[in-house]
Amino acid sequence: MMILVKEAVKTLAIIVVEAHIKEDAQLAHLNVKESAKELVEELVVIRANATNVQIFAKVAAMEVAMVRVNPPQKAEIL
């Protein structure tokens, strides 16, 4: 009878440890999933910023080209 109780306690302990391991694995998975989501959000922001920089660079290049084509006239002194 004592051996059966010991085996039952041992089995229960194993089940509890396995449950904790599974819970820890699920938490780790959620943490990785959340980190990946945050990384994707940051990459979206970086890409949007890069697009804005490209747009500003194109506008600046067009403004420089316009100045080259139509240089400013010297102001006349009245």
PDB file of N, CA and C in Angstrom:
ATOM      1  N   MET A   1       0.825  -1.190   0.000  1.00  0.00           N
ATOM      2  CA  MET A   1       0.000   0.000   0.000  1.00  0.00           C
ATOM      3  C   MET A   1       0.871   1.257   0.000  1.00  0.00           C
ATOM      4  N   MET A   2       1.928   1.272   0.808  1.00  0.00           N
ATOM      5  CA  MET A   2       2.817   2.420   0.895  1.00  0.00           C
ATOM      6  C   MET A   2       3.509   2.668  -0.447  1.00  0.00           C
ATOM      7  N   ILE A   3       3.865   1.591  -1.158  1.00  0.00           N
ATOM      8  CA  ILE A   3       4.510   1.718  -2.470  1.00  0.00           C
ATOM      9  C   ILE A   3       3.547   2.363  -3.457  1.00  0.00           C
ATOM     10  N   LEU A   4       2.280   2.000  -3.419  1.00  0.00           N
ATOM     11  CA  LEU A   4       1.281   2.595  -4.306  1.00  0.00           C
ATOM     12  C   LEU A   4       1.112   4.079  -4.023  1.00  0.00           C
ATOM     13  N   VAL A   5       1.124   4.465  -2.771  1.00  0.00           N
ATOM     14  CA  VAL A   5       1.012   5.880  -2.400  1.00  0.00           C
ATOM     15  C   VAL A   5       2.232   6.640  -2.902  1.00  0.00           C
ATOM     16  N   LYS A   6       3.413   6.069  -2.717  1.00  0.00           N
ATOM     17  CA  LYS A   6       4.638   6.720  -3.199  1.00  0.00           C
ATOM     18  C   LYS A   6       4.611   6.888  -4.718  1.00  0.00           C
ATOM     19  N   GLU A   7       4.174   5.860  -5.411  1.00  0.00           N
ATOM     20  CA  GLU A   7       4.083   5.932  -6.876  1.00  0.00           C
ATOM     21  C   GLU A   7       3.053   6.973  -7.308  1.00  0.00           C
ATOM     22  N   ALA A   8       1.944   7.040  -6.590  1.00  0.00           N
ATOM     23  CA  ALA A   8       0.910   8.026  -6.914  1.00  0.00           C
ATOM     24  C   ALA A   8       1.432   9.443  -6.700  1.00  0.00           C
ATOM     25  N   VAL A   9       2.146   9.671  -5.586  1.00  0.00           N
ATOM     26  CA  VAL A   9       2.719  10.986  -5.304  1.00  0.00           C
ATOM     27  C   VAL A   9       3.775  11.332  -6.354  1.00  0.00           C
ATOM     28  N   LYS A  10       4.574  10.354  -6.712  1.00  0.00           N
ATOM     29  CA  LYS A  10       5.619  10.561  -7.734  1.00  0.00           C
ATOM     30  C   LYS A  10       4.970  10.923  -9.077  1.00  0.00           C
ATOM     31  N   THR A  11       3.924  10.193  -9.449  1.00  0.00           N
ATOM     32  CA  THR A  11       3.215  10.468 -10.704  1.00  0.00           C
ATOM     33  C   THR A  11       2.580  11.849 -10.671  1.00  0.00           C
ATOM     34  N   LEU A  12       1.970  12.189  -9.545  1.00  0.00           N
ATOM     35  CA  LEU A  12       1.358  13.510  -9.401  1.00  0.00           C
ATOM     36  C   LEU A  12       2.412  14.604  -9.512  1.00  0.00           C
ATOM     37  N   ALA A  13       3.570  14.402  -8.894  1.00  0.00           N
ATOM     38  CA  ALA A  13       4.658  15.382  -8.969  1.00  0.00           C
ATOM     39  C   ALA A  13       5.122  15.563 -10.412  1.00  0.00           C
ATOM     40  N   ILE A  14       5.220  14.467 -11.133  1.00  0.00           N
ATOM     41  CA  ILE A  14       5.628  14.540 -12.550  1.00  0.00           C
ATOM     42  C   ILE A  14       4.594  15.325 -13.356  1.00  0.00           C
ATOM     43  N   ILE A  15       3.319  15.072 -13.101  1.00  0.00           N
ATOM     44  CA  ILE A  15       2.248  15.777 -13.822  1.00  0.00           C
ATOM     45  C   ILE A  15       2.310  17.274 -13.522  1.00  0.00           C
ATOM     46  N   VAL A  16       2.535  17.617 -12.261  1.00  0.00           N
ATOM     47  CA  VAL A  16       2.621  19.034 -11.877  1.00  0.00           C
ATOM     48  C   VAL A  16       3.819  19.699 -12.563  1.00  0.00           C
ATOM     49  N   VAL A  17       4.967  19.033 -12.564  1.00  0.00           N
ATOM     50  CA  VAL A  17       6.164  19.586 -13.217  1.00  0.00           C
ATOM     51  C   VAL A  17       5.922  19.751 -14.711  1.00  0.00           C
ATOM     52  N   GLU A  18       5.313  18.748 -15.337  1.00  0.00           N
ATOM     53  CA  GLU A  18       5.019  18.848 -16.773  1.00  0.00           C
ATOM     54  C   GLU A  18       4.052  19.989 -17.056  1.00  0.00           C
ATOM     55  N   ALA A  19       3.079  20.193 -16.174  1.00  0.00           N
ATOM     56  CA  ALA A  19       2.130  21.296 -16.351  1.00  0.00           C
ATOM     57  C   ALA A  19       2.849  22.637 -16.265  1.00  0.00           C
ATOM     58  N   HIS A  20       3.777  22.755 -15.312  1.00  0.00           N
ATOM     59  CA  HIS A  20       4.548  24.001 -15.194  1.00  0.00           C
ATOM     60  C   HIS A  20       5.421  24.223 -16.420  1.00  0.00           C
ATOM     61  N   ILE A  21       6.037  23.164 -16.899  1.00  0.00           N
ATOM     62  CA  ILE A  21       6.872  23.278 -18.110  1.00  0.00           C
ATOM     63  C   ILE A  21       6.021  23.729 -19.288  1.00  0.00           C
ATOM     64  N   LYS A  22       4.836  23.136 -19.434  1.00  0.00           N
ATOM     65  CA  LYS A  22       3.948  23.503 -20.535  1.00  0.00           C
ATOM     66  C   LYS A  22       3.503  24.960 -20.393  1.00  0.00           C
ATOM     67  N   GLU A  23       3.169  25.368 -19.172  1.00  0.00           N
ATOM     68  CA  GLU A  23       2.756  26.751 -18.937  1.00  0.00           C
ATOM     69  C   GLU A  23       3.893  27.713 -19.250  1.00  0.00           C
ATOM     70  N   ASP A  24       5.110  27.369 -18.808  1.00  0.00           N
ATOM     71  CA  ASP A  24       6.277  28.207 -19.093  1.00  0.00           C
ATOM     72  C   ASP A  24       6.517  28.304 -20.596  1.00  0.00           C
ATOM     73  N   ALA A  25       6.345  27.194 -21.291  1.00  0.00           N
ATOM     74  CA  ALA A  25       6.534  27.190 -22.745  1.00  0.00           C
ATOM     75  C   ALA A  25       5.489  28.073 -23.414  1.00  0.00           C
ATOM     76  N   GLN A  26       4.251  28.017 -22.934  1.00  0.00           N
ATOM     77  CA  GLN A  26       3.201  28.853 -23.514  1.00  0.00           C
ATOM     78  C   GLN A  26       3.489  30.330 -23.257  1.00  0.00           C
ATOM     79  N   LEU A  27       3.949  30.647 -22.040  1.00  0.00           N
ATOM     80  CA  LEU A  27       4.303  32.037 -21.736  1.00  0.00           C
ATOM     81  C   LEU A  27       5.469  32.505 -22.598  1.00  0.00           C
ATOM     82  N   ALA A  28       6.456  31.637 -22.764  1.00  0.00           N
ATOM     83  CA  ALA A  28       7.602  31.988 -23.609  1.00  0.00           C
ATOM     84  C   ALA A  28       7.142  32.226 -25.046  1.00  0.00           C
ATOM     85  N   HIS A  29       6.232  31.384 -25.529  1.00  0.00           N
ATOM     86  CA  HIS A  29       5.702  31.546 -26.884  1.00  0.00           C
ATOM     87  C   HIS A  29       4.972  32.880 -27.009  1.00  0.00           C
ATOM     88  N   LEU A  30       4.168  33.222 -25.998  1.00  0.00           N
ATOM     89  CA  LEU A  30       3.449  34.494 -26.029  1.00  0.00           C
ATOM     90  C   LEU A  30       4.420  35.671 -26.012  1.00  0.00           C
ATOM     91  N   ASN A  31       5.494  35.546 -25.210  1.00  0.00           N
ATOM     92  CA  ASN A  31       6.488  36.618 -25.163  1.00  0.00           C
ATOM     93  C   ASN A  31       7.176  36.788 -26.513  1.00  0.00           C
ATOM     94  N   VAL A  32       7.522  35.676 -27.148  1.00  0.00           N
ATOM     95  CA  VAL A  32       8.160  35.738 -28.460  1.00  0.00           C
ATOM     96  C   VAL A  32       7.190  36.334 -29.476  1.00  0.00           C
ATOM     97  N   LYS A  33       5.932  35.911 -29.405  1.00  0.00           N
ATOM     98  CA  LYS A  33       4.916  36.417 -30.336  1.00  0.00           C
ATOM     99  C   LYS A  33       4.731  37.927 -30.153  1.00  0.00           C
ATOM    100  N   GLU A  34       4.671  38.380 -28.906  1.00  0.00           N
ATOM    101  CA  GLU A  34       4.517  39.812 -28.625  1.00  0.00           C
ATOM    102  C   GLU A  34       5.745  40.587 -29.087  1.00  0.00           C
ATOM    103  N   SER A  35       6.930  40.042 -28.852  1.00  0.00           N
ATOM    104  CA  SER A  35       8.159  40.702 -29.298  1.00  0.00           C
ATOM    105  C   SER A  35       8.198  40.803 -30.814  1.00  0.00           C
ATOM    106  N   ALA A  36       7.784  39.744 -31.490  1.00  0.00           N
ATOM    107  CA  ALA A  36       7.751  39.759 -32.956  1.00  0.00           C
ATOM    108  C   ALA A  36       6.769  40.817 -33.457  1.00  0.00           C
ATOM    109  N   LYS A  37       5.626  40.909 -32.791  1.00  0.00           N
ATOM    110  CA  LYS A  37       4.623  41.909 -33.178  1.00  0.00           C
ATOM    111  C   LYS A  37       5.183  43.317 -33.013  1.00  0.00           C
ATOM    112  N   GLU A  38       5.860  43.567 -31.879  1.00  0.00           N
ATOM    113  CA  GLU A  38       6.469  44.873 -31.649  1.00  0.00           C
ATOM    114  C   GLU A  38       7.540  45.174 -32.685  1.00  0.00           C
ATOM    115  N   LEU A  39       8.316  44.159 -33.056  1.00  0.00           N
ATOM    116  CA  LEU A  39       9.360  44.347 -34.060  1.00  0.00           C
ATOM    117  C   LEU A  39       8.748  44.717 -35.407  1.00  0.00           C
ATOM    118  N   VAL A  40       7.677  44.031 -35.781  1.00  0.00           N
ATOM    119  CA  VAL A  40       7.001  44.343 -37.046  1.00  0.00           C
ATOM    120  C   VAL A  40       6.466  45.769 -37.017  1.00  0.00           C
ATOM    121  N   GLU A  41       5.882  46.179 -35.887  1.00  0.00           N
ATOM    122  CA  GLU A  41       5.376  47.551 -35.776  1.00  0.00           C
ATOM    123  C   GLU A  41       6.510  48.560 -35.927  1.00  0.00           C
ATOM    124  N   GLU A  42       7.655  48.267 -35.312  1.00  0.00           N
ATOM    125  CA  GLU A  42       8.805  49.167 -35.440  1.00  0.00           C
ATOM    126  C   GLU A  42       9.310  49.213 -36.879  1.00  0.00           C
ATOM    127  N   LEU A  43       9.312  48.063 -37.552  1.00  0.00           N
ATOM    128  CA  LEU A  43       9.755  48.031 -38.945  1.00  0.00           C
ATOM    129  C   LEU A  43       8.811  48.834 -39.843  1.00  0.00           C
ATOM    130  N   VAL A  44       7.509  48.783 -39.536  1.00  0.00           N
ATOM    131  CA  VAL A  44       6.538  49.567 -40.311  1.00  0.00           C
ATOM    132  C   VAL A  44       6.822  51.056 -40.145  1.00  0.00           C
ATOM    133  N   VAL A  45       7.121  51.475 -38.913  1.00  0.00           N
ATOM    134  CA  VAL A  45       7.442  52.878 -38.656  1.00  0.00           C
ATOM    135  C   VAL A  45       8.731  53.264 -39.375  1.00  0.00           C
ATOM    136  N   ILE A  46       9.736  52.400 -39.298  1.00  0.00           N
ATOM    137  CA  ILE A  46      11.015  52.678 -39.984  1.00  0.00           C
ATOM    138  C   ILE A  46      10.793  52.801 -41.481  1.00  0.00           C
ATOM    139  N   ARG A  47       9.974  51.908 -42.037  1.00  0.00           N
ATOM    140  CA  ARG A  47       9.712  51.972 -43.481  1.00  0.00           C
ATOM    141  C   ARG A  47       8.974  53.249 -43.842  1.00  0.00           C
ATOM    142  N   ALA A  48       7.992  53.636 -43.014  1.00  0.00           N
ATOM    143  CA  ALA A  48       7.265  54.882 -43.273  1.00  0.00           C
ATOM    144  C   ALA A  48       8.213  56.075 -43.207  1.00  0.00           C
ATOM    145  N   ASN A  49       9.106  56.075 -42.230  1.00  0.00           N
ATOM    146  CA  ASN A  49      10.077  57.166 -42.122  1.00  0.00           C
ATOM    147  C   ASN A  49      11.011  57.196 -43.327  1.00  0.00           C
ATOM    148  N   ALA A  50      11.435  56.018 -43.779  1.00  0.00           N
ATOM    149  CA  ALA A  50      12.309  55.949 -44.958  1.00  0.00           C
ATOM    150  C   ALA A  50      11.579  56.478 -46.186  1.00  0.00           C
ATOM    151  N   THR A  51      10.295  56.147 -46.307  1.00  0.00           N
ATOM    152  CA  THR A  51       9.493  56.653 -47.435  1.00  0.00           C
ATOM    153  C   THR A  51       9.402  58.165 -47.370  1.00  0.00           C
ATOM    154  N   ASN A  52       9.175  58.706 -46.172  1.00  0.00           N
ATOM    155  CA  ASN A  52       9.110  60.163 -46.018  1.00  0.00           C
ATOM    156  C   ASN A  52      10.434  60.811 -46.387  1.00  0.00           C
ATOM    157  N   VAL A  53      11.536  60.198 -45.989  1.00  0.00           N
ATOM    158  CA  VAL A  53      12.858  60.736 -46.336  1.00  0.00           C
ATOM    159  C   VAL A  53      13.040  60.733 -47.851  1.00  0.00           C
ATOM    160  N   GLN A  54      12.613  59.656 -48.508  1.00  0.00           N
ATOM    161  CA  GLN A  54      12.721  59.588 -49.962  1.00  0.00           C
ATOM    162  C   GLN A  54      11.892  60.688 -50.616  1.00  0.00           C
ATOM    163  N   ILE A  55      10.679  60.905 -50.099  1.00  0.00           N
ATOM    164  CA  ILE A  55       9.814  61.949 -50.664  1.00  0.00           C
ATOM    165  C   ILE A  55      10.469  63.316 -50.483  1.00  0.00           C
ATOM    166  N   PHE A  56      10.978  63.592 -49.272  1.00  0.00           N
ATOM    167  CA  PHE A  56      11.630  64.877 -49.028  1.00  0.00           C
ATOM    168  C   PHE A  56      12.854  65.042 -49.923  1.00  0.00           C
ATOM    169  N   ALA A  57      13.608  63.969 -50.133  1.00  0.00           N
ATOM    170  CA  ALA A  57      14.792  64.041 -50.999  1.00  0.00           C
ATOM    171  C   ALA A  57      14.382  64.343 -52.437  1.00  0.00           C
ATOM    172  N   LYS A  58      13.290  63.731 -52.907  1.00  0.00           N
ATOM    173  CA  LYS A  58      12.819  63.988 -54.274  1.00  0.00           C
ATOM    174  C   LYS A  58      12.341  65.426 -54.416  1.00  0.00           C
ATOM    175  N   VAL A  59      11.620  65.911 -53.408  1.00  0.00           N
ATOM    176  CA  VAL A  59      11.144  67.303 -53.452  1.00  0.00           C
ATOM    177  C   VAL A  59      12.331  68.259 -53.450  1.00  0.00           C
ATOM    178  N   ALA A  60      13.321  67.986 -52.612  1.00  0.00           N
ATOM    179  CA  ALA A  60      14.507  68.842 -52.559  1.00  0.00           C
ATOM    180  C   ALA A  60      15.240  68.816 -53.897  1.00  0.00           C
ATOM    181  N   ALA A  61      15.358  67.646 -54.496  1.00  0.00           N
ATOM    182  CA  ALA A  61      16.034  67.535 -55.798  1.00  0.00           C
ATOM    183  C   ALA A  61      15.266  68.309 -56.860  1.00  0.00           C
ATOM    184  N   MET A  62      13.934  68.239 -56.812  1.00  0.00           N
ATOM    185  CA  MET A  62      13.129  68.984 -57.792  1.00  0.00           C
ATOM    186  C   MET A  62      13.296  70.481 -57.582  1.00  0.00           C
ATOM    187  N   GLU A  63      13.352  70.920 -56.321  1.00  0.00           N
ATOM    188  CA  GLU A  63      13.540  72.347 -56.044  1.00  0.00           C
ATOM    189  C   GLU A  63      14.904  72.817 -56.538  1.00  0.00           C
ATOM    190  N   VAL A  64      15.929  72.007 -56.343  1.00  0.00           N
ATOM    191  CA  VAL A  64      17.267  72.361 -56.837  1.00  0.00           C
ATOM    192  C   VAL A  64      17.252  72.428 -58.359  1.00  0.00           C
ATOM    193  N   ALA A  65      16.588  71.476 -58.996  1.00  0.00           N
ATOM    194  CA  ALA A  65      16.505  71.475 -60.463  1.00  0.00           C
ATOM    195  C   ALA A  65      15.770  72.715 -60.961  1.00  0.00           C
ATOM    196  N   MET A  66      14.706  73.107 -60.248  1.00  0.00           N
ATOM    197  CA  MET A  66      13.946  74.294 -60.667  1.00  0.00           C
ATOM    198  C   MET A  66      14.805  75.554 -60.542  1.00  0.00           C
ATOM    199  N   VAL A  67      15.621  75.626 -59.496  1.00  0.00           N
ATOM    200  CA  VAL A  67      16.489  76.787 -59.314  1.00  0.00           C
ATOM    201  C   VAL A  67      17.535  76.818 -60.426  1.00  0.00           C
ATOM    202  N   ARG A  68      18.034  75.649 -60.819  1.00  0.00           N
ATOM    203  CA  ARG A  68      19.031  75.606 -61.898  1.00  0.00           C
ATOM    204  C   ARG A  68      18.420  76.039 -63.226  1.00  0.00           C
ATOM    205  N   VAL A  69      17.170  75.608 -63.469  1.00  0.00           N
ATOM    206  CA  VAL A  69      16.504  75.973 -64.719  1.00  0.00           C
ATOM    207  C   VAL A  69      16.104  77.441 -64.700  1.00  0.00           C
ATOM    208  N   ASN A  70      15.598  77.893 -63.575  1.00  0.00           N
ATOM    209  CA  ASN A  70      15.151  79.284 -63.426  1.00  0.00           C
ATOM    210  C   ASN A  70      15.932  79.946 -62.291  1.00  0.00           C
ATOM    211  N   PRO A  71      17.157  80.343 -62.554  1.00  0.00           N
ATOM    212  CA  PRO A  71      17.937  80.954 -61.477  1.00  0.00           C
ATOM    213  C   PRO A  71      17.255  82.235 -60.994  1.00  0.00           C
ATOM    214  N   PRO A  72      17.406  82.529 -59.715  1.00  0.00           N
ATOM    215  CA  PRO A  72      16.773  83.754 -59.200  1.00  0.00           C
ATOM    216  C   PRO A  72      17.372  84.988 -59.878  1.00  0.00           C
ATOM    217  N   GLN A  73      16.509  85.940 -60.139  1.00  0.00           N
ATOM    218  CA  GLN A  73      16.955  87.179 -60.777  1.00  0.00           C
ATOM    219  C   GLN A  73      17.517  88.121 -59.712  1.00  0.00           C
ATOM    220  N   LYS A  74      18.472  88.904 -60.130  1.00  0.00           N
ATOM    221  CA  LYS A  74      19.041  89.887 -59.191  1.00  0.00           C
ATOM    222  C   LYS A  74      17.984  90.965 -58.949  1.00  0.00           C
ATOM    223  N   ALA A  75      17.880  91.368 -57.746  1.00  0.00           N
ATOM    224  CA  ALA A  75      16.915  92.406 -57.396  1.00  0.00           C
ATOM    225  C   ALA A  75      17.394  93.752 -57.921  1.00  0.00           C
ATOM    226  N   GLU A  76      16.491  94.483 -58.443  1.00  0.00           N
ATOM    227  CA  GLU A  76      16.853  95.804 -58.935  1.00  0.00           C
ATOM    228  C   GLU A  76      16.756  96.807 -57.779  1.00  0.00           C
ATOM    229  N   ILE A  77      17.703  97.694 -57.707  1.00  0.00           N
ATOM    230  CA  ILE A  77      17.650  98.716 -56.661  1.00  0.00           C
ATOM    231  C   ILE A  77      16.794  99.875 -57.206  1.00  0.00           C
ATOM    232  N   LEU A  78      15.798 100.217 -56.439  1.00  0.00           N
ATOM    233  CA  LEU A  78      14.896 101.302 -56.884  1.00  0.00           C
ATOM    234  C   LEU A  78      15.396 102.635 -56.467  1.00  0.00           C
TER     235      LEU A  78
END
